[in-house]
Amino acid sequence: MTTAATAVWGRAEQQDFRARVRGCLLGGAIGDALGAGVAELTVDDIRAAHGPDGVADFVPAYGRRGAVTAATQLTLFTVDGLIRAQVRRDTGAWHPPTDVHRAHLRWAATQRDWGPDERRKDNGWLAREEWLYARRDPAPACLTGLGDESLGTLDKPKNPTARDSGALVRSAPFGLLVGWEPQLVCQLAVECAAQTHGHPTAYLSAGAFAVIVHGLARGETVDGSVQRALSLLTPRPGHQPVTDALKQALGAVRQGIPSPARIAALGNPENAEDALAVAVYCTLVSEDIRHGLRLAVNHDGPSHTTATLCGALLGALHGETALPPAWLAELEGRATVLELADDFAMEMTQGPALHGPSVSAQGWLHRYPRG
């Protein structure tokens, strides 16, 4: 395959791709929800509240079990932006960073408005989902970076000192562009991260994460996907903290039984590169998705961040059927996540049958307007 627009997909390929897209988006949301209720707690605090084994199930956050944070909200709008970019390609207006930025501006509106603005006909369906109109502890840099309509770029990034995970946690969807070459996936993720997080470790971590997801969504191994991310990052200025963190995660796999102490040795997950390292490590040593996510939650760092990343990786690796049904059943916004995942899979595999020079499915263009 060369590009998502020209790839020829067999039925088995389409089914596998949809399962991985669903797995990635739902897995990330499950991890987010699993860590949301203990995001600010140390591992000692977690054990004191939930027993010696720590968190093993959803705990209440934002007034309910299974609630997600801004990480999932932003991820959904990233998907929306990527679909809109494909739809707008027919017009010749092919600049995915702009479409993703516009989608994130629609997310920013959910953080300040009471509910959907029905007067905005170009919003599409996702921005009309009322449950998304809730502030769930977004990274300050996301709010300030999207506080006006100016587009941050690598030459002139927004928030050049921001090195937290606010851009990283929304970057899994770039990796689902399996028809793209890995270096293009990396570049797009980096450019879109710089729209809110201008520190090199923040935007390069987003690029590395997208490349790893990309490899897993293509059916490759975790180790092989990480190695590709390392090779793509190495020529880029400022890569050292990110590549060092990934190498440390790979090395930690051989250092004994996984534990919160071993996770703590990977660094401070408040920083994007260390959060990525923790997620990669938990993915590599996981026995299954449940085990990996519990490791990603029960430590001293921001549990929802590391578990979001780990859940997306494990979901892309194993597909939706490997996700724990009990967690899926309680997940906030599950229907929306599924609907968007299926729309993404359909656009990427069958876009020419939905829109193009000779066809125009009006229902689809109403969902994803070209404006």
Protein backbone atom coordinates (compact mmCIF):
# COMPACT_ATOMS: atom_id res chain seq x y z
CA MET A 1 0.00 0.00 0.00
CA THR A 2 1.21 3.50 -0.77
CA THR A 3 -1.45 5.90 0.45
CA ALA A 4 -4.77 5.40 2.18
CA ALA A 5 -6.53 6.85 -0.86
CA THR A 6 -5.10 4.37 -3.37
CA ALA A 7 -4.77 1.18 -1.33
CA VAL A 8 -6.73 -1.88 -2.43
CA TRP A 9 -8.24 -3.62 0.57
CA GLY A 10 -9.46 -7.20 0.67
CA ARG A 11 -12.27 -8.16 3.01
CA ALA A 12 -9.97 -9.85 5.53
CA GLU A 13 -7.68 -6.80 5.53
CA GLN A 14 -10.62 -4.48 6.16
CA GLN A 15 -11.86 -6.60 9.05
CA ASP A 16 -8.42 -6.77 10.64
CA PHE A 17 -7.91 -3.04 10.23
CA ARG A 18 -11.28 -2.19 11.76
CA ALA A 19 -10.57 -4.50 14.71
CA ARG A 20 -7.25 -2.76 15.35
CA VAL A 21 -8.76 0.72 15.01
CA ARG A 22 -11.50 -0.20 17.45
CA GLY A 23 -8.96 -1.84 19.75
CA CYS A 24 -6.68 1.18 19.73
CA LEU A 25 -9.36 3.80 20.40
CA LEU A 26 -11.35 1.73 22.90
CA GLY A 27 -8.18 0.47 24.59
CA GLY A 28 -6.90 3.99 25.07
CA ALA A 29 -10.25 5.10 26.49
CA ILE A 30 -10.37 2.13 28.88
CA GLY A 31 -6.88 2.92 30.12
CA ASP A 32 -7.85 6.55 30.54
CA ALA A 33 -10.93 5.62 32.57
CA LEU A 34 -9.02 3.06 34.66
CA GLY A 35 -6.49 5.67 35.72
CA ALA A 36 -8.80 8.69 35.97
CA GLY A 37 -9.84 8.07 39.58
CA VAL A 38 -6.27 7.71 40.88
CA ALA A 39 -4.41 10.06 38.56
CA GLU A 40 -3.05 12.23 41.35
CA LEU A 41 -2.21 9.45 43.83
CA THR A 42 1.10 7.80 44.69
CA VAL A 43 1.29 4.03 44.60
CA ASP A 44 1.19 3.99 48.41
CA ASP A 45 -1.97 6.08 48.36
CA ILE A 46 -3.48 3.78 45.72
CA ARG A 47 -2.74 0.71 47.81
CA ALA A 48 -4.10 2.33 50.95
CA ALA A 49 -7.36 3.10 49.16
CA HIS A 50 -7.74 -0.02 47.02
CA GLY A 51 -5.78 -2.80 48.70
CA PRO A 52 -2.26 -4.22 48.35
CA ASP A 53 -2.70 -5.03 44.67
CA GLY A 54 -3.83 -1.50 43.87
CA VAL A 55 -6.48 -0.62 41.30
CA ALA A 56 -7.91 -3.65 39.55
CA ASP A 57 -11.15 -2.13 38.23
CA PHE A 58 -12.74 1.22 37.47
CA VAL A 59 -13.03 3.57 40.42
CA PRO A 60 -15.32 6.61 40.40
CA ALA A 61 -14.11 9.78 38.70
CA TYR A 62 -16.15 12.83 37.71
CA GLY A 63 -19.17 11.31 39.45
CA ARG A 64 -19.25 7.89 37.76
CA ARG A 65 -17.32 4.72 37.01
CA GLY A 66 -15.69 4.46 33.61
CA ALA A 67 -15.39 8.21 33.06
CA VAL A 68 -12.73 9.42 30.62
CA THR A 69 -10.53 12.50 30.71
CA ALA A 70 -9.53 15.12 28.16
CA ALA A 71 -7.06 12.58 26.71
CA THR A 72 -9.92 10.58 25.20
CA GLN A 73 -11.87 13.67 24.22
CA LEU A 74 -8.92 15.03 22.25
CA THR A 75 -8.16 11.67 20.69
CA LEU A 76 -11.68 11.52 19.29
CA PHE A 77 -11.35 14.97 17.78
CA THR A 78 -8.00 13.96 16.27
CA VAL A 79 -9.79 11.10 14.50
CA ASP A 80 -12.49 13.52 13.34
CA GLY A 81 -9.83 15.82 11.92
CA LEU A 82 -8.13 13.01 10.02
CA ILE A 83 -11.40 11.91 8.45
CA ARG A 84 -12.17 15.49 7.46
CA ALA A 85 -8.70 15.79 5.91
CA GLN A 86 -9.43 12.79 3.68
CA VAL A 87 -12.82 14.17 2.70
CA ARG A 88 -11.36 17.59 1.88
CA ARG A 89 -8.67 16.02 -0.27
CA ASP A 90 -11.15 15.91 -3.16
CA THR A 91 -11.20 19.71 -3.17
CA GLY A 92 -7.44 20.00 -3.52
CA ALA A 93 -7.19 21.47 -0.01
CA TRP A 94 -4.82 18.75 1.24
CA HIS A 95 -3.18 19.90 4.47
CA PRO A 96 -3.94 17.45 7.31
CA PRO A 97 -2.32 19.58 10.07
CA THR A 98 -4.87 22.31 9.33
CA ASP A 99 -7.81 19.89 9.47
CA VAL A 100 -6.57 18.37 12.73
CA HIS A 101 -6.09 21.87 14.15
CA ARG A 102 -9.65 22.81 13.20
CA ALA A 103 -10.89 19.64 14.89
CA HIS A 104 -8.98 20.51 18.06
CA LEU A 105 -10.50 23.98 17.96
CA ARG A 106 -13.89 22.25 17.96
CA TRP A 107 -12.74 20.38 21.06
CA ALA A 108 -11.67 23.68 22.64
CA ALA A 109 -15.24 24.93 22.14
CA THR A 110 -16.51 21.99 24.22
CA GLN A 111 -14.37 23.26 27.09
CA ARG A 112 -15.95 26.70 27.18
CA ASP A 113 -19.49 26.28 25.79
CA TRP A 114 -22.50 24.84 27.60
CA GLY A 115 -23.41 22.61 24.70
CA PRO A 116 -23.37 22.22 20.90
CA ASP A 117 -23.89 25.30 18.74
CA GLU A 118 -26.57 24.21 16.30
CA ARG A 119 -25.90 27.29 14.17
CA ARG A 120 -22.50 25.87 13.14
CA LYS A 121 -23.42 23.70 10.16
CA ASP A 122 -19.78 22.79 9.50
CA ASN A 123 -19.22 21.24 12.92
CA GLY A 124 -20.13 17.70 11.89
CA TRP A 125 -21.65 15.09 14.18
CA LEU A 126 -18.91 14.68 16.81
CA ALA A 127 -19.12 18.28 18.00
CA ARG A 128 -22.85 17.73 18.59
CA GLU A 129 -22.23 14.95 21.14
CA GLU A 130 -23.39 16.54 24.38
CA TRP A 131 -21.43 14.24 26.70
CA LEU A 132 -18.20 15.74 25.36
CA TYR A 133 -19.09 19.17 26.76
CA ALA A 134 -17.32 18.60 30.06
CA ARG A 135 -13.93 19.80 31.28
CA ARG A 136 -11.91 16.77 32.32
CA ASP A 137 -8.57 18.15 33.49
CA PRO A 138 -7.04 19.06 30.12
CA ALA A 139 -3.36 20.01 30.04
CA PRO A 140 -3.09 23.80 30.39
CA ALA A 141 -0.99 23.91 27.22
CA CYS A 142 -3.89 22.40 25.26
CA LEU A 143 -6.19 25.18 26.41
CA THR A 144 -3.70 28.00 25.77
CA GLY A 145 -2.43 26.51 22.52
CA LEU A 146 -5.98 26.31 21.22
CA GLY A 147 -7.06 29.57 22.82
CA ASP A 148 -7.00 31.36 19.47
CA GLU A 149 -7.19 30.22 15.86
CA SER A 150 -3.53 30.72 15.00
CA LEU A 151 -1.76 27.53 13.90
CA GLY A 152 1.36 26.54 15.79
CA THR A 153 4.11 25.12 13.57
CA LEU A 154 7.53 23.56 14.07
CA ASP A 155 9.10 26.88 13.05
CA LYS A 156 6.84 28.77 15.44
CA PRO A 157 5.35 26.31 17.94
CA LYS A 158 2.83 27.12 20.62
CA ASN A 159 4.01 26.85 24.25
CA PRO A 160 7.70 26.15 23.51
CA THR A 161 8.43 25.11 27.10
CA ALA A 162 5.53 22.65 27.43
CA ARG A 163 6.93 19.11 27.70
CA ASP A 164 4.01 17.30 29.34
CA SER A 165 1.90 14.58 27.70
CA GLY A 166 -1.05 16.70 26.58
CA ALA A 167 -0.17 16.29 22.89
CA LEU A 168 1.19 12.77 23.26
CA VAL A 169 -2.04 11.25 24.59
CA ARG A 170 -4.07 12.42 21.57
CA SER A 171 -1.62 11.10 18.96
CA ALA A 172 -2.53 7.42 18.59
CA PRO A 173 -4.87 8.09 15.60
CA PHE A 174 -1.95 9.21 13.43
CA GLY A 175 -0.54 5.71 13.76
CA LEU A 176 -3.76 4.27 12.36
CA LEU A 177 -2.95 5.78 8.96
CA VAL A 178 -1.57 2.40 7.94
CA GLY A 179 -1.49 3.30 4.24
CA TRP A 180 1.05 6.03 4.96
CA GLU A 181 4.80 5.54 5.21
CA PRO A 182 6.11 5.66 8.81
CA GLN A 183 8.16 8.81 8.27
CA LEU A 184 5.05 10.69 7.09
CA VAL A 185 3.07 9.45 10.10
CA CYS A 186 5.86 10.71 12.35
CA GLN A 187 6.00 14.08 10.63
CA LEU A 188 2.24 14.63 10.84
CA ALA A 189 2.12 13.71 14.53
CA VAL A 190 5.06 16.01 15.29
CA GLU A 191 3.54 18.94 13.39
CA CYS A 192 0.17 18.54 15.10
CA ALA A 193 1.73 18.21 18.56
CA ALA A 194 3.60 21.49 18.06
CA GLN A 195 0.23 23.21 17.78
CA THR A 196 0.01 23.08 21.59
CA HIS A 197 3.28 21.61 22.90
CA GLY A 198 6.39 23.26 21.49
CA HIS A 199 9.13 21.55 23.49
CA PRO A 200 11.03 19.03 21.31
CA THR A 201 10.61 16.19 23.81
CA ALA A 202 6.85 16.70 23.76
CA TYR A 203 6.35 16.74 20.01
CA LEU A 204 8.99 14.09 19.28
CA SER A 205 7.39 11.80 21.86
CA ALA A 206 4.11 12.22 19.99
CA GLY A 207 5.84 11.31 16.74
CA ALA A 208 7.48 8.23 18.27
CA PHE A 209 4.18 7.07 19.77
CA ALA A 210 2.40 7.42 16.43
CA VAL A 211 5.10 5.38 14.69
CA ILE A 212 4.84 2.61 17.30
CA VAL A 213 1.05 2.48 16.94
CA HIS A 214 1.53 2.44 13.17
CA GLY A 215 3.74 -0.63 13.35
CA LEU A 216 1.33 -2.47 15.65
CA ALA A 217 -1.66 -1.59 13.47
CA ARG A 218 0.24 -3.12 10.55
CA GLY A 219 0.73 -6.36 12.48
CA GLU A 220 4.36 -5.81 13.48
CA THR A 221 5.94 -6.56 16.87
CA VAL A 222 6.26 -4.06 19.70
CA ASP A 223 10.04 -4.28 19.67
CA GLY A 224 10.22 -3.84 15.91
CA SER A 225 7.87 -0.86 16.04
CA VAL A 226 9.95 0.80 18.77
CA GLN A 227 13.14 0.22 16.78
CA ARG A 228 11.58 1.95 13.77
CA ALA A 229 10.58 4.90 15.95
CA LEU A 230 14.16 5.13 17.22
CA SER A 231 15.56 5.14 13.68
CA LEU A 232 13.16 7.87 12.56
CA LEU A 233 13.77 10.09 15.58
CA THR A 234 17.57 9.88 15.66
CA PRO A 235 18.19 12.40 12.84
CA ARG A 236 15.88 14.98 14.43
CA PRO A 237 17.25 17.78 16.65
CA GLY A 238 16.40 17.32 20.33
CA HIS A 239 15.74 13.59 20.04
CA GLN A 240 18.11 12.43 22.78
CA PRO A 241 15.74 12.50 25.78
CA VAL A 242 13.07 10.60 23.82
CA THR A 243 15.35 7.99 22.28
CA ASP A 244 17.12 7.48 25.62
CA ALA A 245 13.76 6.95 27.34
CA LEU A 246 12.68 4.38 24.74
CA LYS A 247 15.98 2.52 24.99
CA GLN A 248 15.63 2.46 28.76
CA ALA A 249 12.15 0.97 28.41
CA LEU A 250 13.51 -1.77 26.14
CA GLY A 251 16.33 -2.50 28.56
CA ALA A 252 14.06 -2.63 31.61
CA VAL A 253 12.25 -5.67 30.17
CA ARG A 254 15.31 -7.80 30.99
CA GLN A 255 15.71 -6.53 34.54
CA GLY A 256 13.26 -8.75 36.39
CA ILE A 257 9.63 -8.95 37.44
CA PRO A 258 7.59 -5.82 36.59
CA SER A 259 6.83 -3.60 39.58
CA PRO A 260 6.02 0.00 40.48
CA ALA A 261 9.67 0.44 41.48
CA ARG A 262 10.83 -0.64 38.05
CA ILE A 263 8.36 1.78 36.48
CA ALA A 264 9.60 4.57 38.75
CA ALA A 265 13.15 3.93 37.52
CA LEU A 266 12.02 4.89 34.00
CA GLY A 267 11.66 8.53 35.03
CA ASN A 268 8.94 11.05 35.77
CA PRO A 269 5.79 10.34 33.72
CA GLU A 270 4.76 13.97 34.08
CA ASN A 271 7.19 14.43 31.15
CA ALA A 272 6.07 13.14 27.77
CA GLU A 273 9.14 11.03 27.02
CA ASP A 274 8.99 9.23 30.37
CA ALA A 275 5.25 8.62 30.11
CA LEU A 276 5.88 7.07 26.70
CA ALA A 277 8.65 4.90 28.15
CA VAL A 278 6.35 3.62 30.91
CA ALA A 279 3.61 2.78 28.40
CA VAL A 280 6.03 0.95 26.10
CA TYR A 281 7.49 -1.00 29.02
CA CYS A 282 4.05 -2.03 30.30
CA THR A 283 3.08 -3.11 26.79
CA LEU A 284 6.23 -5.18 26.35
CA VAL A 285 5.90 -7.06 29.67
CA SER A 286 2.12 -7.46 29.68
CA GLU A 287 0.65 -10.95 29.86
CA ASP A 288 -2.62 -9.59 28.46
CA ILE A 289 -4.41 -6.26 28.23
CA ARG A 290 -5.76 -6.41 31.77
CA HIS A 291 -2.30 -7.10 33.21
CA GLY A 292 -0.64 -4.39 31.13
CA LEU A 293 -3.17 -1.74 32.07
CA ARG A 294 -2.94 -2.56 35.77
CA LEU A 295 0.82 -2.10 35.57
CA ALA A 296 0.31 1.20 33.74
CA VAL A 297 -2.05 2.48 36.45
CA ASN A 298 -0.47 1.36 39.72
CA HIS A 299 2.55 3.62 40.12
CA ASP A 300 3.44 7.11 41.33
CA GLY A 301 2.92 8.95 38.06
CA PRO A 302 -0.18 10.27 36.24
CA SER A 303 -2.01 6.96 35.93
CA HIS A 304 -4.54 8.04 33.33
CA THR A 305 -1.77 9.26 31.01
CA THR A 306 0.36 6.12 31.05
CA ALA A 307 -2.68 3.82 30.91
CA THR A 308 -4.16 5.75 27.97
CA LEU A 309 -0.96 5.25 26.02
CA CYS A 310 -0.58 1.61 27.05
CA GLY A 311 -4.23 0.85 26.26
CA ALA A 312 -3.90 2.30 22.77
CA LEU A 313 -0.76 0.25 22.11
CA LEU A 314 -2.24 -2.99 23.42
CA GLY A 315 -5.52 -2.39 21.57
CA ALA A 316 -3.71 -1.80 18.27
CA LEU A 317 -1.61 -4.91 18.90
CA HIS A 318 -4.39 -7.33 19.85
CA GLY A 319 -7.59 -5.82 18.41
CA GLU A 320 -10.93 -5.12 20.02
CA THR A 321 -11.83 -8.71 20.94
CA ALA A 322 -8.97 -8.83 23.45
CA LEU A 323 -10.44 -5.94 25.48
CA PRO A 324 -12.06 -6.90 28.82
CA PRO A 325 -15.85 -6.90 28.24
CA ALA A 326 -16.68 -5.75 31.77
CA TRP A 327 -14.61 -2.61 31.28
CA LEU A 328 -16.08 -1.98 27.84
CA ALA A 329 -19.60 -2.26 29.27
CA GLU A 330 -19.03 0.63 31.71
CA LEU A 331 -16.91 2.87 29.50
CA GLU A 332 -18.23 6.41 29.14
CA GLY A 333 -18.95 7.31 25.53
CA ARG A 334 -18.39 3.79 24.23
CA ALA A 335 -21.02 4.18 21.50
CA THR A 336 -19.36 7.38 20.27
CA VAL A 337 -15.90 5.79 20.26
CA LEU A 338 -17.18 2.79 18.31
CA GLU A 339 -19.07 4.94 15.80
CA LEU A 340 -16.05 7.14 15.16
CA ALA A 341 -13.71 4.14 14.91
CA ASP A 342 -15.92 2.51 12.31
CA ASP A 343 -16.24 5.76 10.37
CA PHE A 344 -12.45 6.12 10.36
CA ALA A 345 -11.99 2.54 9.16
CA MET A 346 -14.61 3.04 6.43
CA GLU A 347 -13.10 6.31 5.24
CA MET A 348 -9.58 4.90 5.09
CA THR A 349 -10.58 1.72 3.27
CA GLN A 350 -13.55 2.84 1.16
CA GLY A 351 -13.30 6.61 0.92
CA PRO A 352 -13.54 6.73 -2.90
CA ALA A 353 -16.94 5.03 -2.68
CA LEU A 354 -18.16 7.81 -0.37
CA HIS A 355 -16.88 10.93 -2.07
CA GLY A 356 -14.92 11.88 -5.15
CA PRO A 357 -15.28 13.28 -8.66
CA SER A 358 -18.10 10.90 -9.57
CA VAL A 359 -19.77 10.15 -6.23
CA SER A 360 -21.02 12.24 -3.35
CA ALA A 361 -22.68 10.53 -0.39
CA GLN A 362 -24.55 13.46 1.14
CA GLY A 363 -25.06 11.73 4.46
CA TRP A 364 -21.30 11.28 4.81
CA LEU A 365 -20.56 14.86 3.87
CA HIS A 366 -23.10 16.00 6.44
CA ARG A 367 -21.22 14.02 9.09
CA TYR A 368 -17.84 15.26 7.89
CA PRO A 369 -18.33 18.58 6.09
CA ARG A 370 -15.67 19.84 3.73
CA GLY A 371 -15.92 23.36 5.14
